[in-house]
Amino acid sequence: QVQLVESGGGSVQAGGSLRLSCAASGYTYSSYCMGWFRQAPGKEREGVAAIDNDDNTRYADSVKGRFTISQDNAKATLYLQMNSLKPEETAMYYCAAAPICPVGYWALAQRAYNYWGQGTQVTVSS
């Protein structure tokens, strides 16, 4: 079955950087599209970044220029490089997989993704 396991979260000061990883298994990685989402306490889950089979990317406006999504098909691993982190970006970060690649707006919509990891916590202190 599809399994997604996130890692790389932790605590960092404002302005710092973290690199999240998501190891995928149980399916042909390159055939799915992938996304990163986050959920802060008391808030709805929101899309952060997405990448398709051709490495086309899409970002939430709030992270453009600071976050970079990438993937290594050979390692079946998704990444999220996060720079210049802000305290308000403290959240649980999740990776997700979609066998039918969402396009446009739907690339950052959680309902477009069928499989989810358990999440990795990111805490940014001021």
C-alpha atoms as a PDB file:
ATOM      1  CA  GLN A   1       0.000   0.000   0.000  1.00  0.00           C
ATOM      2  CA  VAL A   2       1.029   3.616  -0.409  1.00  0.00           C
ATOM      3  CA  GLN A   3       3.181   4.897   2.426  1.00  0.00           C
ATOM      4  CA  LEU A   4       4.504   8.396   2.912  1.00  0.00           C
ATOM      5  CA  VAL A   5       6.934   9.159   5.722  1.00  0.00           C
ATOM      6  CA  GLU A   6       7.997  12.721   6.455  1.00  0.00           C
ATOM      7  CA  SER A   7      11.170  13.735   8.249  1.00  0.00           C
ATOM      8  CA  GLY A   8      13.342  16.777   8.791  1.00  0.00           C
ATOM      9  CA  GLY A   9      11.111  18.848  10.991  1.00  0.00           C
ATOM     10  CA  GLY A  10      12.368  20.536  14.118  1.00  0.00           C
ATOM     11  CA  SER A  11      12.795  23.811  15.928  1.00  0.00           C
ATOM     12  CA  VAL A  12      14.455  26.797  14.314  1.00  0.00           C
ATOM     13  CA  GLN A  13      14.678  30.498  14.956  1.00  0.00           C
ATOM     14  CA  ALA A  14      12.975  32.997  12.715  1.00  0.00           C
ATOM     15  CA  GLY A  15      14.989  33.503   9.553  1.00  0.00           C
ATOM     16  CA  GLY A  16      16.374  29.997   9.709  1.00  0.00           C
ATOM     17  CA  SER A  17      16.067  27.105   7.298  1.00  0.00           C
ATOM     18  CA  LEU A  18      14.878  23.516   7.314  1.00  0.00           C
ATOM     19  CA  ARG A  19      14.710  20.816   4.686  1.00  0.00           C
ATOM     20  CA  LEU A  20      11.839  18.380   4.877  1.00  0.00           C
ATOM     21  CA  SER A  21      11.862  14.977   3.217  1.00  0.00           C
ATOM     22  CA  CYS A  22       9.067  12.588   2.339  1.00  0.00           C
ATOM     23  CA  ALA A  23       9.982   8.993   1.565  1.00  0.00           C
ATOM     24  CA  ALA A  24       7.369   7.262  -0.585  1.00  0.00           C
ATOM     25  CA  SER A  25       6.788   3.557  -1.087  1.00  0.00           C
ATOM     26  CA  GLY A  26       4.157   1.113  -2.292  1.00  0.00           C
ATOM     27  CA  TYR A  27       3.625   2.639  -5.727  1.00  0.00           C
ATOM     28  CA  THR A  28       5.471   3.870  -8.800  1.00  0.00           C
ATOM     29  CA  TYR A  29       6.626   7.197  -7.456  1.00  0.00           C
ATOM     30  CA  SER A  30       7.063   8.963 -10.805  1.00  0.00           C
ATOM     31  CA  SER A  31       3.473   8.259 -11.813  1.00  0.00           C
ATOM     32  CA  TYR A  32       1.975  10.371  -9.006  1.00  0.00           C
ATOM     33  CA  CYS A  33       1.987  14.083  -8.359  1.00  0.00           C
ATOM     34  CA  MET A  34       3.068  15.293  -4.954  1.00  0.00           C
ATOM     35  CA  GLY A  35       2.375  18.137  -2.602  1.00  0.00           C
ATOM     36  CA  TRP A  36       3.317  19.654   0.739  1.00  0.00           C
ATOM     37  CA  PHE A  37       0.667  20.944   3.107  1.00  0.00           C
ATOM     38  CA  ARG A  38       0.727  22.410   6.592  1.00  0.00           C
ATOM     39  CA  GLN A  39      -1.682  22.789   9.442  1.00  0.00           C
ATOM     40  CA  ALA A  40      -1.217  25.129  12.372  1.00  0.00           C
ATOM     41  CA  PRO A  41      -3.158  24.625  15.618  1.00  0.00           C
ATOM     42  CA  GLY A  42      -6.718  25.825  15.231  1.00  0.00           C
ATOM     43  CA  LYS A  43      -6.356  26.448  11.508  1.00  0.00           C
ATOM     44  CA  GLU A  44      -7.304  24.591   8.370  1.00  0.00           C
ATOM     45  CA  ARG A  45      -4.766  22.597   6.439  1.00  0.00           C
ATOM     46  CA  GLU A  46      -3.329  24.654   3.591  1.00  0.00           C
ATOM     47  CA  GLY A  47      -1.369  23.834   0.478  1.00  0.00           C
ATOM     48  CA  VAL A  48       2.221  25.014   0.457  1.00  0.00           C
ATOM     49  CA  ALA A  49       3.804  23.613  -2.697  1.00  0.00           C
ATOM     50  CA  ALA A  50       3.161  21.009  -5.377  1.00  0.00           C
ATOM     51  CA  ILE A  51       5.147  19.277  -8.092  1.00  0.00           C
ATOM     52  CA  ASP A  52       4.073  17.174 -11.040  1.00  0.00           C
ATOM     53  CA  ASN A  53       5.635  14.379 -13.068  1.00  0.00           C
ATOM     54  CA  ASP A  54       7.471  16.891 -15.260  1.00  0.00           C
ATOM     55  CA  ASP A  55       8.831  18.783 -12.250  1.00  0.00           C
ATOM     56  CA  ASN A  56       6.484  21.699 -12.830  1.00  0.00           C
ATOM     57  CA  THR A  57       5.922  23.426  -9.511  1.00  0.00           C
ATOM     58  CA  ARG A  58       3.295  25.575  -7.865  1.00  0.00           C
ATOM     59  CA  TYR A  59       3.577  27.529  -4.619  1.00  0.00           C
ATOM     60  CA  ALA A  60       1.307  29.315  -2.236  1.00  0.00           C
ATOM     61  CA  ASP A  61       1.840  33.057  -2.526  1.00  0.00           C
ATOM     62  CA  SER A  62       3.013  33.228   1.088  1.00  0.00           C
ATOM     63  CA  VAL A  63       6.051  31.011   0.435  1.00  0.00           C
ATOM     64  CA  LYS A  64       7.099  32.031  -3.075  1.00  0.00           C
ATOM     65  CA  GLY A  65      10.783  32.899  -3.219  1.00  0.00           C
ATOM     66  CA  ARG A  66      11.510  31.216   0.129  1.00  0.00           C
ATOM     67  CA  PHE A  67      10.423  27.587  -0.259  1.00  0.00           C
ATOM     68  CA  THR A  68      11.512  25.149  -2.954  1.00  0.00           C
ATOM     69  CA  ILE A  69       9.841  21.835  -3.690  1.00  0.00           C
ATOM     70  CA  SER A  70      11.816  19.139  -5.471  1.00  0.00           C
ATOM     71  CA  GLN A  71      11.884  15.396  -5.923  1.00  0.00           C
ATOM     72  CA  ASP A  72      14.257  12.553  -6.635  1.00  0.00           C
ATOM     73  CA  ASN A  73      12.410   9.910  -8.617  1.00  0.00           C
ATOM     74  CA  ALA A  74      15.242   7.385  -8.219  1.00  0.00           C
ATOM     75  CA  LYS A  75      14.975   7.674  -4.434  1.00  0.00           C
ATOM     76  CA  ALA A  76      11.176   8.068  -4.447  1.00  0.00           C
ATOM     77  CA  THR A  77      11.625  11.068  -2.199  1.00  0.00           C
ATOM     78  CA  LEU A  78      10.019  14.483  -2.098  1.00  0.00           C
ATOM     79  CA  TYR A  79      11.726  17.502  -0.547  1.00  0.00           C
ATOM     80  CA  LEU A  80      10.788  20.921   0.718  1.00  0.00           C
ATOM     81  CA  GLN A  81      13.585  23.411   1.308  1.00  0.00           C
ATOM     82  CA  MET A  82      12.309  26.165   3.562  1.00  0.00           C
ATOM     83  CA  ASN A  83      14.313  29.360   3.993  1.00  0.00           C
ATOM     84  CA  SER A  84      13.654  32.579   5.890  1.00  0.00           C
ATOM     85  CA  LEU A  85      11.134  30.846   8.106  1.00  0.00           C
ATOM     86  CA  LYS A  86       8.636  32.909  10.064  1.00  0.00           C
ATOM     87  CA  PRO A  87       7.043  32.178  13.459  1.00  0.00           C
ATOM     88  CA  GLU A  88       3.596  32.048  11.852  1.00  0.00           C
ATOM     89  CA  GLU A  89       4.792  29.090   9.793  1.00  0.00           C
ATOM     90  CA  THR A  90       4.903  26.906  12.860  1.00  0.00           C
ATOM     91  CA  ALA A  91       2.762  23.932  11.907  1.00  0.00           C
ATOM     92  CA  MET A  92       2.621  20.243  11.199  1.00  0.00           C
ATOM     93  CA  TYR A  93       3.835  19.685   7.662  1.00  0.00           C
ATOM     94  CA  TYR A  94       2.431  16.851   5.577  1.00  0.00           C
ATOM     95  CA  CYS A  95       3.314  15.386   2.224  1.00  0.00           C
ATOM     96  CA  ALA A  96       0.603  14.012  -0.009  1.00  0.00           C
ATOM     97  CA  ALA A  97       0.333  11.994  -3.211  1.00  0.00           C
ATOM     98  CA  ALA A  98      -2.194  12.129  -6.032  1.00  0.00           C
ATOM     99  CA  PRO A  99      -2.451   9.428  -8.732  1.00  0.00           C
ATOM    100  CA  ILE A 100      -4.468  11.831 -10.861  1.00  0.00           C
ATOM    101  CA  CYS A 101      -2.397  14.977 -11.077  1.00  0.00           C
ATOM    102  CA  PRO A 102      -4.319  18.077 -10.050  1.00  0.00           C
ATOM    103  CA  VAL A 103      -3.809  21.145 -12.191  1.00  0.00           C
ATOM    104  CA  GLY A 104      -4.000  24.840 -11.581  1.00  0.00           C
ATOM    105  CA  TYR A 105      -5.681  25.798  -8.334  1.00  0.00           C
ATOM    106  CA  TRP A 106      -6.285  22.153  -7.470  1.00  0.00           C
ATOM    107  CA  ALA A 107      -2.564  21.457  -7.144  1.00  0.00           C
ATOM    108  CA  LEU A 108      -2.710  23.080  -3.691  1.00  0.00           C
ATOM    109  CA  ALA A 109      -6.108  21.735  -2.695  1.00  0.00           C
ATOM    110  CA  GLN A 110      -6.021  18.945  -0.134  1.00  0.00           C
ATOM    111  CA  ARG A 111      -9.101  17.279  -1.561  1.00  0.00           C
ATOM    112  CA  ALA A 112      -7.134  16.528  -4.736  1.00  0.00           C
ATOM    113  CA  TYR A 113      -4.757  14.202  -2.881  1.00  0.00           C
ATOM    114  CA  ASN A 114      -5.550  10.645  -1.944  1.00  0.00           C
ATOM    115  CA  TYR A 115      -2.621   9.649   0.269  1.00  0.00           C
ATOM    116  CA  TRP A 116      -1.068  11.422   3.237  1.00  0.00           C
ATOM    117  CA  GLY A 117       1.853  11.020   5.560  1.00  0.00           C
ATOM    118  CA  GLN A 118       1.693  11.398   9.331  1.00  0.00           C
ATOM    119  CA  GLY A 119       3.392  14.760   9.314  1.00  0.00           C
ATOM    120  CA  THR A 120       6.519  16.342  10.748  1.00  0.00           C
ATOM    121  CA  GLN A 121       6.422  19.263  13.183  1.00  0.00           C
ATOM    122  CA  VAL A 122       8.087  22.549  12.341  1.00  0.00           C
ATOM    123  CA  THR A 123       8.417  25.129  15.106  1.00  0.00           C
ATOM    124  CA  VAL A 124       9.760  28.590  14.365  1.00  0.00           C
ATOM    125  CA  SER A 125      10.595  30.785  17.345  1.00  0.00           C
ATOM    126  CA  SER A 126      10.882  34.548  17.276  1.00  0.00           C
END
